C-alpha atoms as a PDB file:
ATOM      1  CA  MET A   1     146.188  71.931  48.550  1.00  0.00           C
ATOM      2  CA  THR A   2     145.357  73.103  45.065  1.00  0.00           C
ATOM      3  CA  ASN A   3     142.433  75.236  46.237  1.00  0.00           C
ATOM      4  CA  ALA A   4     144.581  76.949  48.915  1.00  0.00           C
ATOM      5  CA  ILE A   5     147.341  77.724  46.403  1.00  0.00           C
ATOM      6  CA  ASN A   6     144.929  79.032  43.836  1.00  0.00           C
ATOM      7  CA  ALA A   7     143.088  81.220  46.440  1.00  0.00           C
ATOM      8  CA  CYS A   8     146.309  82.655  47.594  1.00  0.00           C
ATOM      9  CA  ALA A   9     147.523  83.378  44.132  1.00  0.00           C
ATOM     10  CA  ASP A  10     144.209  84.990  43.141  1.00  0.00           C
ATOM     11  CA  LYS A  11     144.159  87.166  46.347  1.00  0.00           C
ATOM     12  CA  GLY A  12     147.935  88.152  46.327  1.00  0.00           C
ATOM     13  CA  CYS A  13     148.914  86.347  49.577  1.00  0.00           C
ATOM     14  CA  THR A  14     152.564  86.676  50.387  1.00  0.00           C
ATOM     15  CA  THR A  15     152.699  83.880  53.064  1.00  0.00           C
ATOM     16  CA  PRO A  16     153.228  80.238  52.025  1.00  0.00           C
ATOM     17  CA  VAL A  17     150.472  77.717  52.116  1.00  0.00           C
ATOM     18  CA  THR A  18     151.370  75.014  54.638  1.00  0.00           C
ATOM     19  CA  LEU A  19     150.412  71.328  54.917  1.00  0.00           C
ATOM     20  CA  HIS A  20     150.641  69.307  58.158  1.00  0.00           C
ATOM     21  CA  ALA A  21     149.820  65.667  58.525  1.00  0.00           C
ATOM     22  CA  GLY A  22     149.896  63.287  61.472  1.00  0.00           C
ATOM     23  CA  TRP A  23     148.227  60.292  62.974  1.00  0.00           C
ATOM     24  CA  THR A  24     145.423  60.742  65.493  1.00  0.00           C
ATOM     25  CA  ASP A  25     145.306  58.697  68.676  1.00  0.00           C
ATOM     26  CA  PRO A  26     145.256  55.716  68.619  1.00  0.00           C
ATOM     27  CA  HIS A  27     146.748  55.896  65.110  1.00  0.00           C
ATOM     28  CA  ARG A  28     143.571  54.929  63.316  1.00  0.00           C
ATOM     29  CA  ARG A  29     143.199  58.137  61.225  1.00  0.00           C
ATOM     30  CA  LEU A  30     145.508  60.363  59.278  1.00  0.00           C
ATOM     31  CA  ARG A  31     144.660  64.072  59.822  1.00  0.00           C
ATOM     32  CA  VAL A  32     145.730  66.427  57.079  1.00  0.00           C
ATOM     33  CA  LEU A  33     145.551  70.214  57.615  1.00  0.00           C
ATOM     34  CA  VAL A  34     146.095  72.884  54.937  1.00  0.00           C
ATOM     35  CA  HIS A  35     146.566  76.481  56.153  1.00  0.00           C
ATOM     36  CA  ASP A  36     146.519  79.585  54.004  1.00  0.00           C
ATOM     37  CA  GLN A  37     146.134  83.340  54.550  1.00  0.00           C
ATOM     38  CA  ALA A  38     143.650  83.994  51.704  1.00  0.00           C
ATOM     39  CA  PRO A  39     140.538  85.911  52.864  1.00  0.00           C
ATOM     40  CA  GLY A  40     137.221  84.057  52.697  1.00  0.00           C
ATOM     41  CA  LEU A  41     136.284  80.503  53.468  1.00  0.00           C
ATOM     42  CA  PRO A  42     136.080  77.513  51.053  1.00  0.00           C
ATOM     43  CA  ALA A  43     132.539  76.572  50.156  1.00  0.00           C
ATOM     44  CA  LEU A  44     131.000  73.170  49.586  1.00  0.00           C
ATOM     45  CA  ARG A  45     129.126  73.371  46.311  1.00  0.00           C
ATOM     46  CA  THR A  46     128.059  71.183  43.371  1.00  0.00           C
ATOM     47  CA  ALA A  47     130.011  71.880  40.174  1.00  0.00           C
ATOM     48  CA  THR A  48     128.339  71.377  36.785  1.00  0.00           C
ATOM     49  CA  PRO A  49     129.778  68.575  34.549  1.00  0.00           C
ATOM     50  CA  ASP A  50     131.518  71.121  32.238  1.00  0.00           C
ATOM     51  CA  GLU A  51     133.164  73.191  34.977  1.00  0.00           C
ATOM     52  CA  GLU A  52     136.917  72.814  35.420  1.00  0.00           C
ATOM     53  CA  HIS A  53     136.843  73.883  39.053  1.00  0.00           C
ATOM     54  CA  GLY A  54     134.597  73.594  42.169  1.00  0.00           C
ATOM     55  CA  ARG A  55     135.028  70.010  43.250  1.00  0.00           C
ATOM     56  CA  GLY A  56     137.704  70.168  45.981  1.00  0.00           C
ATOM     57  CA  MET A  57     135.445  70.522  49.002  1.00  0.00           C
ATOM     58  CA  HIS A  58     133.080  68.004  47.623  1.00  0.00           C
ATOM     59  CA  LEU A  59     135.845  65.513  47.267  1.00  0.00           C
ATOM     60  CA  ILE A  60     136.978  66.205  50.804  1.00  0.00           C
ATOM     61  CA  SER A  61     133.452  65.846  52.243  1.00  0.00           C
ATOM     62  CA  THR A  62     132.710  62.564  50.518  1.00  0.00           C
ATOM     63  CA  GLY A  63     136.181  60.886  50.813  1.00  0.00           C
ATOM     64  CA  SER A  64     137.014  61.582  54.382  1.00  0.00           C
ATOM     65  CA  ALA A  65     135.913  60.299  57.700  1.00  0.00           C
ATOM     66  CA  ALA A  66     135.734  63.809  59.108  1.00  0.00           C
ATOM     67  CA  TRP A  67     136.537  67.309  57.916  1.00  0.00           C
ATOM     68  CA  GLY A  68     136.181  70.969  58.778  1.00  0.00           C
ATOM     69  CA  ILE A  69     137.485  74.506  58.544  1.00  0.00           C
ATOM     70  CA  CYS A  70     139.022  76.470  61.400  1.00  0.00           C
ATOM     71  CA  THR A  71     139.523  80.198  61.558  1.00  0.00           C
ATOM     72  CA  HIS A  72     141.145  80.514  64.998  1.00  0.00           C
ATOM     73  CA  GLY A  73     144.827  80.567  65.855  1.00  0.00           C
ATOM     74  CA  PRO A  74     147.739  82.960  66.273  1.00  0.00           C
ATOM     75  CA  SER A  75     148.601  83.491  62.566  1.00  0.00           C
ATOM     76  CA  GLY A  76     145.151  84.301  61.048  1.00  0.00           C
ATOM     77  CA  GLY A  77     143.782  82.944  57.849  1.00  0.00           C
ATOM     78  CA  LYS A  78     142.115  79.547  57.919  1.00  0.00           C
ATOM     79  CA  ALA A  79     142.906  75.877  57.961  1.00  0.00           C
ATOM     80  CA  THR A  80     140.989  73.209  56.145  1.00  0.00           C
ATOM     81  CA  TRP A  81     141.450  69.735  57.648  1.00  0.00           C
ATOM     82  CA  PHE A  82     140.201  66.256  56.939  1.00  0.00           C
ATOM     83  CA  GLU A  83     140.825  62.756  58.356  1.00  0.00           C
ATOM     84  CA  LEU A  84     141.316  59.498  56.368  1.00  0.00           C
ATOM     85  CA  GLY A  85     140.721  56.178  58.013  1.00  0.00           C
ATOM     86  CA  GLU A  86     138.088  54.361  59.952  1.00  0.00           C
ATOM     87  CA  HIS A  87     134.680  56.116  59.897  1.00  0.00           C
END
């Protein structure tokens, strides 16, 4: 959520960042989706120990059962999603 808010603030987005969460069938994983209109895609990278930023996608990739980025849909922008629960 913080990555999306910061990206939108930096790029001058006027639409809100949205968060959706729900259980997948059969209710074993919680799927969280964050949507924003900022141009560009988030990147998975390795931050140096003294950097204040750059760890968001790494945390998502290592702490979730599944994750991804979608760029399709009626409103444009992108959605970053992840699932928590059984692997």
